[in-house]
Amino acid sequence: MNWQEEIYNFRTQLRRKMTANLRNYLEEELNYIYEDALGFVKIKTANTVIFPSQCPYSLEQLLDRDWLP
């Protein structure tokens, strides 16, 4: 399975289990979640990959099964 299939599969599973409470939580925490993920990427790549310091994507984009930046 390639990475695009994995993302599609993960988004499909997440959308099926999405509740209003989870959606609200993700909306409120999106920037913190992004910051945590960015920290992980910086460590994993030894800062060789540059990403924006703030999340440039909306929650809708991130949950859209067909969307890829």
N, C-alpha and C. Protein backbone atom coordinates (compact mmCIF):
# COMPACT_ATOMS: atom_id res chain seq x y z
N MET A 1 0.85 -1.18 0.00
CA MET A 1 0.00 0.00 0.00
C MET A 1 0.90 1.24 0.00
N ASN A 2 0.64 2.18 -0.90
CA ASN A 2 1.46 3.39 -0.92
C ASN A 2 0.91 4.44 0.04
N TRP A 3 1.63 5.51 0.22
CA TRP A 3 1.25 6.51 1.23
C TRP A 3 -0.09 7.16 0.91
N GLN A 4 -0.43 7.35 -0.36
CA GLN A 4 -1.71 7.96 -0.71
C GLN A 4 -2.88 7.05 -0.32
N GLU A 5 -2.71 5.77 -0.52
CA GLU A 5 -3.74 4.82 -0.11
C GLU A 5 -3.90 4.80 1.40
N GLU A 6 -2.78 4.87 2.12
CA GLU A 6 -2.83 4.89 3.58
C GLU A 6 -3.56 6.12 4.09
N ILE A 7 -3.29 7.27 3.50
CA ILE A 7 -3.98 8.50 3.90
C ILE A 7 -5.46 8.39 3.61
N TYR A 8 -5.82 7.91 2.45
CA TYR A 8 -7.24 7.74 2.07
C TYR A 8 -7.93 6.81 3.06
N ASN A 9 -7.30 5.69 3.37
CA ASN A 9 -7.86 4.72 4.30
C ASN A 9 -8.03 5.32 5.69
N PHE A 10 -7.03 6.02 6.17
CA PHE A 10 -7.10 6.64 7.49
C PHE A 10 -8.22 7.67 7.55
N ARG A 11 -8.33 8.50 6.53
CA ARG A 11 -9.38 9.53 6.50
C ARG A 11 -10.76 8.89 6.44
N THR A 12 -10.89 7.81 5.70
CA THR A 12 -12.17 7.11 5.62
C THR A 12 -12.58 6.60 7.00
N GLN A 13 -11.66 5.97 7.69
CA GLN A 13 -11.94 5.46 9.03
C GLN A 13 -12.28 6.59 10.00
N LEU A 14 -11.53 7.67 9.92
CA LEU A 14 -11.76 8.79 10.82
C LEU A 14 -13.13 9.42 10.58
N ARG A 15 -13.51 9.62 9.33
CA ARG A 15 -14.81 10.22 9.01
C ARG A 15 -15.96 9.34 9.50
N ARG A 16 -15.79 8.03 9.44
CA ARG A 16 -16.84 7.12 9.91
C ARG A 16 -17.04 7.20 11.41
N LYS A 17 -15.99 7.51 12.13
CA LYS A 17 -16.07 7.56 13.59
C LYS A 17 -16.22 8.98 14.14
N MET A 18 -16.26 9.96 13.25
CA MET A 18 -16.31 11.37 13.65
C MET A 18 -17.63 11.69 14.35
N THR A 19 -17.51 12.29 15.51
CA THR A 19 -18.67 12.78 16.24
C THR A 19 -18.58 14.30 16.27
N ALA A 20 -19.65 14.94 16.66
CA ALA A 20 -19.63 16.41 16.78
C ALA A 20 -18.60 16.83 17.82
N ASN A 21 -18.50 16.09 18.91
CA ASN A 21 -17.53 16.43 19.94
C ASN A 21 -16.09 16.30 19.44
N LEU A 22 -15.83 15.22 18.70
CA LEU A 22 -14.47 15.04 18.16
C LEU A 22 -14.16 16.13 17.14
N ARG A 23 -15.11 16.46 16.28
CA ARG A 23 -14.89 17.53 15.29
C ARG A 23 -14.59 18.86 16.00
N ASN A 24 -15.36 19.18 17.01
CA ASN A 24 -15.13 20.42 17.76
C ASN A 24 -13.76 20.42 18.42
N TYR A 25 -13.40 19.30 18.99
CA TYR A 25 -12.08 19.18 19.63
C TYR A 25 -10.97 19.39 18.60
N LEU A 26 -11.09 18.74 17.46
CA LEU A 26 -10.06 18.88 16.43
C LEU A 26 -9.97 20.32 15.92
N GLU A 27 -11.11 20.97 15.76
CA GLU A 27 -11.12 22.38 15.34
C GLU A 27 -10.35 23.24 16.34
N GLU A 28 -10.61 23.01 17.63
CA GLU A 28 -9.98 23.81 18.68
C GLU A 28 -8.49 23.51 18.82
N GLU A 29 -8.12 22.26 18.59
CA GLU A 29 -6.75 21.82 18.86
C GLU A 29 -5.87 21.71 17.62
N LEU A 30 -6.40 22.04 16.45
CA LEU A 30 -5.67 21.81 15.20
C LEU A 30 -4.28 22.43 15.21
N ASN A 31 -4.16 23.65 15.67
CA ASN A 31 -2.84 24.29 15.68
C ASN A 31 -1.88 23.59 16.63
N TYR A 32 -2.36 23.13 17.79
CA TYR A 32 -1.50 22.41 18.73
C TYR A 32 -1.09 21.05 18.17
N ILE A 33 -2.03 20.38 17.51
CA ILE A 33 -1.74 19.09 16.89
C ILE A 33 -0.68 19.27 15.81
N TYR A 34 -0.84 20.33 15.01
CA TYR A 34 0.13 20.61 13.95
C TYR A 34 1.51 20.90 14.55
N GLU A 35 1.56 21.69 15.61
CA GLU A 35 2.84 22.01 16.25
C GLU A 35 3.53 20.74 16.74
N ASP A 36 2.77 19.83 17.34
CA ASP A 36 3.34 18.57 17.81
C ASP A 36 3.87 17.75 16.64
N ALA A 37 3.09 17.67 15.56
CA ALA A 37 3.52 16.91 14.38
C ALA A 37 4.75 17.55 13.75
N LEU A 38 4.77 18.87 13.71
CA LEU A 38 5.92 19.59 13.15
C LEU A 38 7.18 19.30 13.95
N GLY A 39 7.05 19.27 15.27
CA GLY A 39 8.20 18.94 16.12
C GLY A 39 8.73 17.55 15.82
N PHE A 40 7.82 16.59 15.63
CA PHE A 40 8.22 15.23 15.29
C PHE A 40 8.94 15.18 13.95
N VAL A 41 8.41 15.89 12.96
CA VAL A 41 9.03 15.91 11.62
C VAL A 41 10.42 16.54 11.69
N LYS A 42 10.56 17.60 12.46
CA LYS A 42 11.88 18.24 12.59
C LYS A 42 12.91 17.27 13.17
N ILE A 43 12.50 16.53 14.19
CA ILE A 43 13.40 15.54 14.78
C ILE A 43 13.71 14.43 13.79
N LYS A 44 12.68 13.90 13.15
CA LYS A 44 12.81 12.77 12.25
C LYS A 44 13.68 13.11 11.03
N THR A 45 13.59 14.37 10.55
CA THR A 45 14.34 14.75 9.35
C THR A 45 15.59 15.57 9.67
N ALA A 46 15.89 15.72 10.94
CA ALA A 46 17.04 16.54 11.37
C ALA A 46 16.96 17.94 10.74
N ASN A 47 15.74 18.49 10.72
CA ASN A 47 15.47 19.84 10.20
C ASN A 47 15.83 20.02 8.73
N THR A 48 15.82 18.93 7.96
CA THR A 48 16.15 19.06 6.53
C THR A 48 14.92 19.40 5.69
N VAL A 49 13.74 19.33 6.28
CA VAL A 49 12.50 19.66 5.59
C VAL A 49 11.91 20.89 6.26
N ILE A 50 11.53 21.86 5.47
CA ILE A 50 10.97 23.10 6.00
C ILE A 50 9.46 23.10 5.79
N PHE A 51 8.72 23.26 6.86
CA PHE A 51 7.27 23.37 6.82
C PHE A 51 6.86 24.69 7.46
N PRO A 52 5.69 25.22 7.12
CA PRO A 52 5.21 26.44 7.76
C PRO A 52 5.09 26.23 9.27
N SER A 53 5.30 27.29 10.04
CA SER A 53 5.22 27.17 11.49
C SER A 53 3.77 27.04 11.97
N GLN A 54 2.82 27.50 11.16
CA GLN A 54 1.40 27.38 11.50
C GLN A 54 0.72 26.50 10.44
N CYS A 55 -0.27 25.76 10.86
CA CYS A 55 -0.97 24.85 9.95
C CYS A 55 -1.64 25.63 8.82
N PRO A 56 -1.25 25.36 7.57
CA PRO A 56 -1.84 26.09 6.44
C PRO A 56 -3.11 25.44 5.89
N TYR A 57 -3.58 24.38 6.53
CA TYR A 57 -4.71 23.62 6.02
C TYR A 57 -5.90 23.70 6.97
N SER A 58 -7.09 23.64 6.41
CA SER A 58 -8.29 23.61 7.23
C SER A 58 -8.58 22.16 7.64
N LEU A 59 -9.37 22.01 8.68
CA LEU A 59 -9.76 20.66 9.10
C LEU A 59 -10.51 19.96 7.97
N GLU A 60 -11.35 20.69 7.27
CA GLU A 60 -12.09 20.09 6.14
C GLU A 60 -11.13 19.52 5.10
N GLN A 61 -10.08 20.26 4.78
CA GLN A 61 -9.10 19.74 3.81
C GLN A 61 -8.44 18.48 4.34
N LEU A 62 -8.06 18.50 5.59
CA LEU A 62 -7.36 17.36 6.17
C LEU A 62 -8.23 16.11 6.24
N LEU A 63 -9.54 16.29 6.36
CA LEU A 63 -10.45 15.16 6.44
C LEU A 63 -10.98 14.71 5.09
N ASP A 64 -10.77 15.52 4.06
CA ASP A 64 -11.26 15.20 2.72
C ASP A 64 -10.45 14.04 2.14
N ARG A 65 -11.11 12.93 1.88
CA ARG A 65 -10.41 11.72 1.41
C ARG A 65 -9.66 11.94 0.10
N ASP A 66 -10.10 12.85 -0.72
CA ASP A 66 -9.50 13.05 -2.04
C ASP A 66 -8.50 14.20 -2.10
N TRP A 67 -8.33 14.93 -1.01
CA TRP A 67 -7.47 16.11 -1.04
C TRP A 67 -6.05 15.76 -0.63
N LEU A 68 -5.11 16.23 -1.43
CA LEU A 68 -3.69 16.14 -1.08
C LEU A 68 -3.05 17.48 -1.46
N PRO A 69 -2.22 18.01 -0.58
CA PRO A 69 -1.57 19.30 -0.92
C PRO A 69 -0.58 19.15 -2.05
